[in-house]
Amino acid sequence: MSGQAAAQNGKYLYAIVACADDPGAVQAGRDYGPIGIDGGTVYTLSDGRVAAVVSDVPNEKVRPQRRHLAAHQEILKRLMEETTPLPMAFGVIADGSDATLGILSHNRDAFVEQLQRVAGKVEMGLRIAWDVPNIFEYFVDTHPELRVTRDRFFGIHHNPSQEEKIELGRMFDRILDEDREAHAEKVEGVLSPHCSEIKRNRCRNEREVMNLACLVGREGQAEFEAGIFEAAEMFDNTFVFDYNGPWPPHNFVDIDLKTRELKM
């Protein structure tokens, strides 16, 4: 094979899907048309039990440009209309068809296990944040322990030392974490009956109370949304609820691909 031909042999991986006779399976050899990265035709490569959804790309890294990211997400959205895929991270490229089939073979048991775990389900996200002008002052106003310490260290006739500032910061962080834990347990108690699994993701900033990923049955989305409204009634107007989805189950797929024939 010439160097030029080899350069055109990459297979961009969008997702792994069930095939054969599994529930919600995708037909082997399925052609989705020219909707992939750079207009490439998207199709499936199957080993008989699982299939990779791919398109042909040069055997080199794909830059995370907006059009490439949009194409990747659009394929996952399209797949969600007919099944629940195992979404691949952006930019995973196998070194040709044989390498793609090798990935399916080497990871088949893990793929099947994960596909069974998410079959018939979608991911829903829920972010809750404090909607207050100043998060520290809000905690000072709502937690006497923090207020007393702040007043002692930052009183009119006291110039706080560096150690005192650090102590106050640590107290704030501890109370923040305790409140987040208490609020998350309360919300999860309401949502758990409507979810197969709930995963807590890391909060992005101090104002964020919780960032939950919820694995929900396709037929149970209305009940899940009702659960969110029920949970929201337990909080006052200093909290903002933002739920989104349905998405592919990004937060519930945990597979370490066993191959050296990948470019990322």
C-alpha atoms as a PDB file:
ATOM      1  CA  MET A   1       0.000   0.000   0.000  1.00  0.00           C
ATOM      2  CA  SER A   2       1.343   3.436  -0.917  1.00  0.00           C
ATOM      3  CA  GLY A   3       1.860   6.136   1.697  1.00  0.00           C
ATOM      4  CA  GLN A   4      -0.910   8.200   0.101  1.00  0.00           C
ATOM      5  CA  ALA A   5      -3.390   5.319   0.265  1.00  0.00           C
ATOM      6  CA  ALA A   6      -2.479   4.589   3.873  1.00  0.00           C
ATOM      7  CA  ALA A   7      -3.099   8.225   4.764  1.00  0.00           C
ATOM      8  CA  GLN A   8      -6.735   7.790   3.686  1.00  0.00           C
ATOM      9  CA  ASN A   9      -7.339   4.635   5.698  1.00  0.00           C
ATOM     10  CA  GLY A  10      -8.418   6.033   9.075  1.00  0.00           C
ATOM     11  CA  LYS A  11     -11.813   5.245  10.595  1.00  0.00           C
ATOM     12  CA  TYR A  12     -13.236   7.943  12.835  1.00  0.00           C
ATOM     13  CA  LEU A  13     -15.199   6.331  15.701  1.00  0.00           C
ATOM     14  CA  TYR A  14     -18.407   8.052  16.790  1.00  0.00           C
ATOM     15  CA  ALA A  15     -19.964   5.320  18.889  1.00  0.00           C
ATOM     16  CA  ILE A  16     -20.387   1.633  19.595  1.00  0.00           C
ATOM     17  CA  VAL A  17     -23.856   0.138  19.141  1.00  0.00           C
ATOM     18  CA  ALA A  18     -25.510  -3.233  19.617  1.00  0.00           C
ATOM     19  CA  CYS A  19     -26.244  -5.298  16.537  1.00  0.00           C
ATOM     20  CA  ALA A  20     -27.362  -8.887  15.890  1.00  0.00           C
ATOM     21  CA  ASP A  21     -30.566  -9.694  17.788  1.00  0.00           C
ATOM     22  CA  ASP A  22     -30.028  -7.493  20.825  1.00  0.00           C
ATOM     23  CA  PRO A  23     -32.899  -5.156  21.862  1.00  0.00           C
ATOM     24  CA  GLY A  24     -32.564  -1.765  20.201  1.00  0.00           C
ATOM     25  CA  ALA A  25     -29.900  -3.165  17.863  1.00  0.00           C
ATOM     26  CA  VAL A  26     -28.720  -1.386  14.740  1.00  0.00           C
ATOM     27  CA  GLN A  27     -28.640  -3.303  11.481  1.00  0.00           C
ATOM     28  CA  ALA A  28     -25.157  -4.433  10.462  1.00  0.00           C
ATOM     29  CA  GLY A  29     -23.879  -2.570   7.420  1.00  0.00           C
ATOM     30  CA  ARG A  30     -26.125   0.408   8.116  1.00  0.00           C
ATOM     31  CA  ASP A  31     -25.400   3.501   5.958  1.00  0.00           C
ATOM     32  CA  TYR A  32     -26.373   6.879   7.406  1.00  0.00           C
ATOM     33  CA  GLY A  33     -25.240   8.945   4.439  1.00  0.00           C
ATOM     34  CA  PRO A  34     -22.681  11.784   4.097  1.00  0.00           C
ATOM     35  CA  ILE A  35     -23.268  13.379   7.508  1.00  0.00           C
ATOM     36  CA  GLY A  36     -19.923  12.739   9.197  1.00  0.00           C
ATOM     37  CA  ILE A  37     -16.696  14.695   9.725  1.00  0.00           C
ATOM     38  CA  ASP A  38     -15.952  16.713   6.555  1.00  0.00           C
ATOM     39  CA  GLY A  39     -19.029  15.222   4.890  1.00  0.00           C
ATOM     40  CA  GLY A  40     -17.840  11.644   5.153  1.00  0.00           C
ATOM     41  CA  THR A  41     -20.340   8.820   4.810  1.00  0.00           C
ATOM     42  CA  VAL A  42     -21.252   7.376   8.210  1.00  0.00           C
ATOM     43  CA  TYR A  43     -21.742   3.607   8.397  1.00  0.00           C
ATOM     44  CA  THR A  44     -21.340   0.632  10.710  1.00  0.00           C
ATOM     45  CA  LEU A  45     -18.569  -1.948  10.894  1.00  0.00           C
ATOM     46  CA  SER A  46     -19.739  -5.037  12.774  1.00  0.00           C
ATOM     47  CA  ASP A  47     -18.209  -8.177  14.223  1.00  0.00           C
ATOM     48  CA  GLY A  48     -21.664  -9.773  14.499  1.00  0.00           C
ATOM     49  CA  ARG A  49     -22.457  -8.770  18.095  1.00  0.00           C
ATOM     50  CA  VAL A  50     -21.432  -5.122  18.341  1.00  0.00           C
ATOM     51  CA  ALA A  51     -20.722  -2.485  15.726  1.00  0.00           C
ATOM     52  CA  ALA A  52     -18.651   0.669  15.436  1.00  0.00           C
ATOM     53  CA  VAL A  53     -20.280   3.712  13.836  1.00  0.00           C
ATOM     54  CA  VAL A  54     -17.541   5.251  11.708  1.00  0.00           C
ATOM     55  CA  SER A  55     -16.640   7.416   8.737  1.00  0.00           C
ATOM     56  CA  ASP A  56     -13.488   7.517   6.625  1.00  0.00           C
ATOM     57  CA  VAL A  57     -10.969  10.221   7.462  1.00  0.00           C
ATOM     58  CA  PRO A  58      -7.269  10.803   6.797  1.00  0.00           C
ATOM     59  CA  ASN A  59      -5.233   8.758   9.256  1.00  0.00           C
ATOM     60  CA  GLU A  60      -4.288  11.784  11.340  1.00  0.00           C
ATOM     61  CA  LYS A  61      -5.685  13.805  14.211  1.00  0.00           C
ATOM     62  CA  VAL A  62      -8.968  15.646  13.673  1.00  0.00           C
ATOM     63  CA  ARG A  63      -8.872  19.170  15.037  1.00  0.00           C
ATOM     64  CA  PRO A  64     -11.651  20.080  17.514  1.00  0.00           C
ATOM     65  CA  GLN A  65     -13.074  22.759  15.239  1.00  0.00           C
ATOM     66  CA  ARG A  66     -16.680  23.792  15.677  1.00  0.00           C
ATOM     67  CA  ARG A  67     -17.835  22.053  12.493  1.00  0.00           C
ATOM     68  CA  HIS A  68     -16.133  18.821  13.516  1.00  0.00           C
ATOM     69  CA  LEU A  69     -17.574  18.926  17.024  1.00  0.00           C
ATOM     70  CA  ALA A  70     -21.026  19.677  15.589  1.00  0.00           C
ATOM     71  CA  ALA A  71     -20.812  16.732  13.187  1.00  0.00           C
ATOM     72  CA  HIS A  72     -19.733  14.398  15.993  1.00  0.00           C
ATOM     73  CA  GLN A  73     -22.641  15.483  18.193  1.00  0.00           C
ATOM     74  CA  GLU A  74     -25.117  15.287  15.315  1.00  0.00           C
ATOM     75  CA  ILE A  75     -24.218  11.647  14.682  1.00  0.00           C
ATOM     76  CA  LEU A  76     -24.788  10.804  18.343  1.00  0.00           C
ATOM     77  CA  LYS A  77     -28.116  12.636  18.238  1.00  0.00           C
ATOM     78  CA  ARG A  78     -29.107  10.664  15.151  1.00  0.00           C
ATOM     79  CA  LEU A  79     -28.179   7.382  16.815  1.00  0.00           C
ATOM     80  CA  MET A  80     -30.220   8.295  19.895  1.00  0.00           C
ATOM     81  CA  GLU A  81     -33.334   8.306  17.724  1.00  0.00           C
ATOM     82  CA  GLU A  82     -33.107   4.537  17.270  1.00  0.00           C
ATOM     83  CA  THR A  83     -30.914   3.123  20.023  1.00  0.00           C
ATOM     84  CA  THR A  84     -28.709   3.990  22.989  1.00  0.00           C
ATOM     85  CA  PRO A  85     -25.088   4.117  21.786  1.00  0.00           C
ATOM     86  CA  LEU A  86     -21.862   4.034  23.727  1.00  0.00           C
ATOM     87  CA  PRO A  87     -20.491   7.442  22.702  1.00  0.00           C
ATOM     88  CA  MET A  88     -16.815   7.731  21.891  1.00  0.00           C
ATOM     89  CA  ALA A  89     -14.822  10.777  22.956  1.00  0.00           C
ATOM     90  CA  PHE A  90     -14.155  13.285  20.202  1.00  0.00           C
ATOM     91  CA  GLY A  91     -11.148  12.554  18.018  1.00  0.00           C
ATOM     92  CA  VAL A  92     -10.780   8.751  18.277  1.00  0.00           C
ATOM     93  CA  ILE A  93      -9.448   7.317  14.998  1.00  0.00           C
ATOM     94  CA  ALA A  94      -8.696   3.667  14.265  1.00  0.00           C
ATOM     95  CA  ASP A  95      -6.025   2.683  11.751  1.00  0.00           C
ATOM     96  CA  GLY A  96      -8.372   1.220   9.152  1.00  0.00           C
ATOM     97  CA  SER A  97     -11.140  -1.382   8.996  1.00  0.00           C
ATOM     98  CA  ASP A  98      -9.069  -4.251  10.375  1.00  0.00           C
ATOM     99  CA  ALA A  99      -8.027  -2.135  13.352  1.00  0.00           C
ATOM    100  CA  THR A 100     -11.655  -1.170  13.963  1.00  0.00           C
ATOM    101  CA  LEU A 101     -12.741  -4.807  13.949  1.00  0.00           C
ATOM    102  CA  GLY A 102      -9.833  -5.544  16.270  1.00  0.00           C
ATOM    103  CA  ILE A 103     -11.129  -2.955  18.700  1.00  0.00           C
ATOM    104  CA  LEU A 104     -14.548  -4.613  18.638  1.00  0.00           C
ATOM    105  CA  SER A 105     -13.019  -8.048  19.175  1.00  0.00           C
ATOM    106  CA  HIS A 106     -10.667  -7.059  21.990  1.00  0.00           C
ATOM    107  CA  ASN A 107     -13.304  -5.074  23.857  1.00  0.00           C
ATOM    108  CA  ARG A 108     -16.439  -7.081  23.008  1.00  0.00           C
ATOM    109  CA  ASP A 109     -17.257  -8.234  26.533  1.00  0.00           C
ATOM    110  CA  ALA A 110     -16.906  -4.719  27.943  1.00  0.00           C
ATOM    111  CA  PHE A 111     -18.973  -3.259  25.106  1.00  0.00           C
ATOM    112  CA  VAL A 112     -21.759  -5.808  25.546  1.00  0.00           C
ATOM    113  CA  GLU A 113     -21.836  -5.260  29.314  1.00  0.00           C
ATOM    114  CA  GLN A 114     -22.035  -1.478  28.919  1.00  0.00           C
ATOM    115  CA  LEU A 115     -24.650  -1.685  26.154  1.00  0.00           C
ATOM    116  CA  GLN A 116     -26.835  -3.871  28.338  1.00  0.00           C
ATOM    117  CA  ARG A 117     -26.395  -1.396  31.204  1.00  0.00           C
ATOM    118  CA  VAL A 118     -27.672   1.579  29.176  1.00  0.00           C
ATOM    119  CA  ALA A 119     -30.122  -0.191  26.850  1.00  0.00           C
ATOM    120  CA  GLY A 120     -33.419   1.670  26.607  1.00  0.00           C
ATOM    121  CA  LYS A 121     -32.116   4.588  28.652  1.00  0.00           C
ATOM    122  CA  VAL A 122     -30.970   8.169  28.151  1.00  0.00           C
ATOM    123  CA  GLU A 123     -28.855  10.556  30.182  1.00  0.00           C
ATOM    124  CA  MET A 124     -30.496  13.595  31.764  1.00  0.00           C
ATOM    125  CA  GLY A 125     -28.505  16.350  33.424  1.00  0.00           C
ATOM    126  CA  LEU A 126     -29.432  18.501  36.412  1.00  0.00           C
ATOM    127  CA  ARG A 127     -27.455  21.504  37.626  1.00  0.00           C
ATOM    128  CA  ILE A 128     -28.497  23.469  40.698  1.00  0.00           C
ATOM    129  CA  ALA A 129     -26.823  26.737  41.640  1.00  0.00           C
ATOM    130  CA  TRP A 130     -27.117  29.446  44.251  1.00  0.00           C
ATOM    131  CA  ASP A 131     -28.557  32.573  42.611  1.00  0.00           C
ATOM    132  CA  VAL A 132     -27.119  35.162  45.002  1.00  0.00           C
ATOM    133  CA  PRO A 133     -24.968  38.295  44.446  1.00  0.00           C
ATOM    134  CA  ASN A 134     -22.132  37.118  46.712  1.00  0.00           C
ATOM    135  CA  ILE A 135     -21.833  33.478  47.689  1.00  0.00           C
ATOM    136  CA  PHE A 136     -19.562  34.152  50.690  1.00  0.00           C
ATOM    137  CA  GLU A 137     -21.872  36.805  52.121  1.00  0.00           C
ATOM    138  CA  TYR A 138     -24.828  34.484  51.572  1.00  0.00           C
ATOM    139  CA  PHE A 139     -23.132  31.811  53.678  1.00  0.00           C
ATOM    140  CA  VAL A 140     -22.187  34.368  56.323  1.00  0.00           C
ATOM    141  CA  ASP A 141     -25.843  35.388  56.550  1.00  0.00           C
ATOM    142  CA  THR A 142     -27.141  31.809  56.719  1.00  0.00           C
ATOM    143  CA  HIS A 143     -24.480  30.173  58.946  1.00  0.00           C
ATOM    144  CA  PRO A 144     -23.922  31.767  62.388  1.00  0.00           C
ATOM    145  CA  GLU A 145     -20.676  29.810  62.893  1.00  0.00           C
ATOM    146  CA  LEU A 146     -19.129  31.433  59.830  1.00  0.00           C
ATOM    147  CA  ARG A 147     -20.505  34.852  60.716  1.00  0.00           C
ATOM    148  CA  VAL A 148     -19.030  34.797  64.229  1.00  0.00           C
ATOM    149  CA  THR A 149     -15.614  33.763  62.920  1.00  0.00           C
ATOM    150  CA  ARG A 150     -15.688  36.397  60.169  1.00  0.00           C
ATOM    151  CA  ASP A 151     -16.590  39.129  62.667  1.00  0.00           C
ATOM    152  CA  ARG A 152     -13.858  38.015  65.081  1.00  0.00           C
ATOM    153  CA  PHE A 153     -11.137  37.973  62.434  1.00  0.00           C
ATOM    154  CA  PHE A 154     -12.284  41.016  60.469  1.00  0.00           C
ATOM    155  CA  GLY A 155     -13.563  43.227  63.271  1.00  0.00           C
ATOM    156  CA  ILE A 156     -13.108  46.994  63.218  1.00  0.00           C
ATOM    157  CA  HIS A 157     -10.125  46.916  65.586  1.00  0.00           C
ATOM    158  CA  HIS A 158      -8.501  43.749  64.261  1.00  0.00           C
ATOM    159  CA  ASN A 159      -6.238  43.293  61.272  1.00  0.00           C
ATOM    160  CA  PRO A 160      -6.504  39.573  60.309  1.00  0.00           C
ATOM    161  CA  SER A 161      -3.332  37.557  59.958  1.00  0.00           C
ATOM    162  CA  GLN A 162      -2.666  35.288  56.982  1.00  0.00           C
ATOM    163  CA  GLU A 163      -3.360  32.264  59.176  1.00  0.00           C
ATOM    164  CA  GLU A 164      -6.755  33.676  60.179  1.00  0.00           C
ATOM    165  CA  LYS A 165      -7.675  34.319  56.555  1.00  0.00           C
ATOM    166  CA  ILE A 166      -6.736  30.747  55.715  1.00  0.00           C
ATOM    167  CA  GLU A 167      -8.770  29.424  58.655  1.00  0.00           C
ATOM    168  CA  LEU A 168     -11.816  31.408  57.564  1.00  0.00           C
ATOM    169  CA  GLY A 169     -11.425  30.134  54.003  1.00  0.00           C
ATOM    170  CA  ARG A 170     -11.213  26.555  55.206  1.00  0.00           C
ATOM    171  CA  MET A 171     -14.326  27.007  57.320  1.00  0.00           C
ATOM    172  CA  PHE A 172     -16.199  28.393  54.331  1.00  0.00           C
ATOM    173  CA  ASP A 173     -15.079  25.455  52.158  1.00  0.00           C
ATOM    174  CA  ARG A 174     -16.134  22.946  54.835  1.00  0.00           C
ATOM    175  CA  ILE A 175     -19.584  24.479  55.247  1.00  0.00           C
ATOM    176  CA  LEU A 176     -19.971  24.738  51.474  1.00  0.00           C
ATOM    177  CA  ASP A 177     -19.185  21.030  51.076  1.00  0.00           C
ATOM    178  CA  GLU A 178     -21.530  20.087  53.933  1.00  0.00           C
ATOM    179  CA  ASP A 179     -24.400  22.057  52.405  1.00  0.00           C
ATOM    180  CA  ARG A 180     -23.774  20.574  48.978  1.00  0.00           C
ATOM    181  CA  GLU A 181     -23.821  17.071  50.437  1.00  0.00           C
ATOM    182  CA  ALA A 182     -27.050  17.687  52.341  1.00  0.00           C
ATOM    183  CA  HIS A 183     -28.770  19.257  49.319  1.00  0.00           C
ATOM    184  CA  ALA A 184     -27.593  16.479  46.975  1.00  0.00           C
ATOM    185  CA  GLU A 185     -28.890  13.757  49.282  1.00  0.00           C
ATOM    186  CA  LYS A 186     -32.239  15.517  49.466  1.00  0.00           C
ATOM    187  CA  VAL A 187     -32.546  15.825  45.677  1.00  0.00           C
ATOM    188  CA  GLU A 188     -31.309  12.299  45.014  1.00  0.00           C
ATOM    189  CA  GLY A 189     -33.885  10.982  47.470  1.00  0.00           C
ATOM    190  CA  VAL A 190     -36.619  12.424  45.268  1.00  0.00           C
ATOM    191  CA  LEU A 191     -35.089  11.490  41.902  1.00  0.00           C
ATOM    192  CA  SER A 192     -33.804   7.984  42.691  1.00  0.00           C
ATOM    193  CA  PRO A 193     -37.169   6.247  42.092  1.00  0.00           C
ATOM    194  CA  HIS A 194     -37.120   7.691  38.555  1.00  0.00           C
ATOM    195  CA  CYS A 195     -33.488   6.823  37.709  1.00  0.00           C
ATOM    196  CA  SER A 196     -31.500   3.668  37.114  1.00  0.00           C
ATOM    197  CA  GLU A 197     -28.342   5.442  38.272  1.00  0.00           C
ATOM    198  CA  ILE A 198     -27.294   8.896  39.455  1.00  0.00           C
ATOM    199  CA  LYS A 199     -23.735  10.177  39.194  1.00  0.00           C
ATOM    200  CA  ARG A 200     -22.435  13.293  40.915  1.00  0.00           C
ATOM    201  CA  ASN A 201     -20.089  15.293  38.723  1.00  0.00           C
ATOM    202  CA  ARG A 202     -17.662  17.856  40.050  1.00  0.00           C
ATOM    203  CA  CYS A 203     -19.089  21.337  40.585  1.00  0.00           C
ATOM    204  CA  ARG A 204     -17.617  23.901  38.205  1.00  0.00           C
ATOM    205  CA  ASN A 205     -17.550  26.859  40.609  1.00  0.00           C
ATOM    206  CA  GLU A 206     -18.469  27.937  44.150  1.00  0.00           C
ATOM    207  CA  ARG A 207     -22.014  28.889  43.172  1.00  0.00           C
ATOM    208  CA  GLU A 208     -22.859  25.439  41.866  1.00  0.00           C
ATOM    209  CA  VAL A 209     -24.688  23.293  44.397  1.00  0.00           C
ATOM    210  CA  MET A 210     -24.650  20.059  42.420  1.00  0.00           C
ATOM    211  CA  ASN A 211     -24.123  18.705  38.931  1.00  0.00           C
ATOM    212  CA  LEU A 212     -25.966  15.409  38.502  1.00  0.00           C
ATOM    213  CA  ALA A 213     -26.019  12.984  35.597  1.00  0.00           C
ATOM    214  CA  CYS A 214     -29.064  10.717  35.698  1.00  0.00           C
ATOM    215  CA  LEU A 215     -29.615   7.523  33.727  1.00  0.00           C
ATOM    216  CA  VAL A 216     -33.324   7.455  32.948  1.00  0.00           C
ATOM    217  CA  GLY A 217     -35.540   5.039  31.038  1.00  0.00           C
ATOM    218  CA  ARG A 218     -36.739   6.414  27.719  1.00  0.00           C
ATOM    219  CA  GLU A 219     -40.316   5.860  28.788  1.00  0.00           C
ATOM    220  CA  GLY A 220     -39.737   7.459  32.184  1.00  0.00           C
ATOM    221  CA  GLN A 221     -38.624  10.945  31.170  1.00  0.00           C
ATOM    222  CA  ALA A 222     -41.944  12.568  32.101  1.00  0.00           C
ATOM    223  CA  GLU A 223     -41.803  11.053  35.596  1.00  0.00           C
ATOM    224  CA  PHE A 224     -38.193  12.198  35.959  1.00  0.00           C
ATOM    225  CA  GLU A 225     -39.141  15.772  35.045  1.00  0.00           C
ATOM    226  CA  ALA A 226     -42.005  15.649  37.530  1.00  0.00           C
ATOM    227  CA  GLY A 227     -39.462  14.547  40.143  1.00  0.00           C
ATOM    228  CA  ILE A 228     -37.330  17.592  39.395  1.00  0.00           C
ATOM    229  CA  PHE A 229     -40.280  19.909  40.008  1.00  0.00           C
ATOM    230  CA  GLU A 230     -41.030  18.041  43.219  1.00  0.00           C
ATOM    231  CA  ALA A 231     -37.431  18.481  44.368  1.00  0.00           C
ATOM    232  CA  ALA A 232     -37.454  22.172  43.425  1.00  0.00           C
ATOM    233  CA  GLU A 233     -40.372  22.767  45.789  1.00  0.00           C
ATOM    234  CA  MET A 234     -38.063  21.917  48.716  1.00  0.00           C
ATOM    235  CA  PHE A 235     -35.802  24.894  47.936  1.00  0.00           C
ATOM    236  CA  ASP A 236     -36.374  28.640  48.116  1.00  0.00           C
ATOM    237  CA  ASN A 237     -35.819  31.162  45.331  1.00  0.00           C
ATOM    238  CA  THR A 238     -32.091  31.493  46.061  1.00  0.00           C
ATOM    239  CA  PHE A 239     -31.639  28.214  44.148  1.00  0.00           C
ATOM    240  CA  VAL A 240     -31.850  27.827  40.376  1.00  0.00           C
ATOM    241  CA  PHE A 241     -32.641  24.464  38.768  1.00  0.00           C
ATOM    242  CA  ASP A 242     -31.458  23.738  35.213  1.00  0.00           C
ATOM    243  CA  TYR A 243     -32.153  20.316  33.736  1.00  0.00           C
ATOM    244  CA  ASN A 244     -31.259  19.196  30.224  1.00  0.00           C
ATOM    245  CA  GLY A 245     -31.293  16.209  27.904  1.00  0.00           C
ATOM    246  CA  PRO A 246     -31.876  13.609  26.712  1.00  0.00           C
ATOM    247  CA  TRP A 247     -28.246  12.848  25.858  1.00  0.00           C
ATOM    248  CA  PRO A 248     -26.208   9.764  25.039  1.00  0.00           C
ATOM    249  CA  PRO A 249     -24.989   8.221  28.320  1.00  0.00           C
ATOM    250  CA  HIS A 250     -21.546   9.890  28.361  1.00  0.00           C
ATOM    251  CA  ASN A 251     -21.278   9.772  32.154  1.00  0.00           C
ATOM    252  CA  PHE A 252     -22.212   6.099  32.376  1.00  0.00           C
ATOM    253  CA  VAL A 253     -19.752   4.683  29.852  1.00  0.00           C
ATOM    254  CA  ASP A 254     -16.436   3.625  31.339  1.00  0.00           C
ATOM    255  CA  ILE A 255     -14.372   1.592  28.905  1.00  0.00           C
ATOM    256  CA  ASP A 256     -10.599   1.527  28.570  1.00  0.00           C
ATOM    257  CA  LEU A 257     -10.083   0.551  24.937  1.00  0.00           C
ATOM    258  CA  LYS A 258      -7.619  -2.334  24.685  1.00  0.00           C
ATOM    259  CA  THR A 259      -5.699  -1.533  21.515  1.00  0.00           C
ATOM    260  CA  ARG A 260      -2.641   0.279  20.266  1.00  0.00           C
ATOM    261  CA  GLU A 261      -4.208   1.034  16.887  1.00  0.00           C
ATOM    262  CA  LEU A 262      -5.849   4.315  17.873  1.00  0.00           C
ATOM    263  CA  LYS A 263      -5.006   7.949  17.279  1.00  0.00           C
ATOM    264  CA  MET A 264      -6.478  10.540  19.645  1.00  0.00           C
END
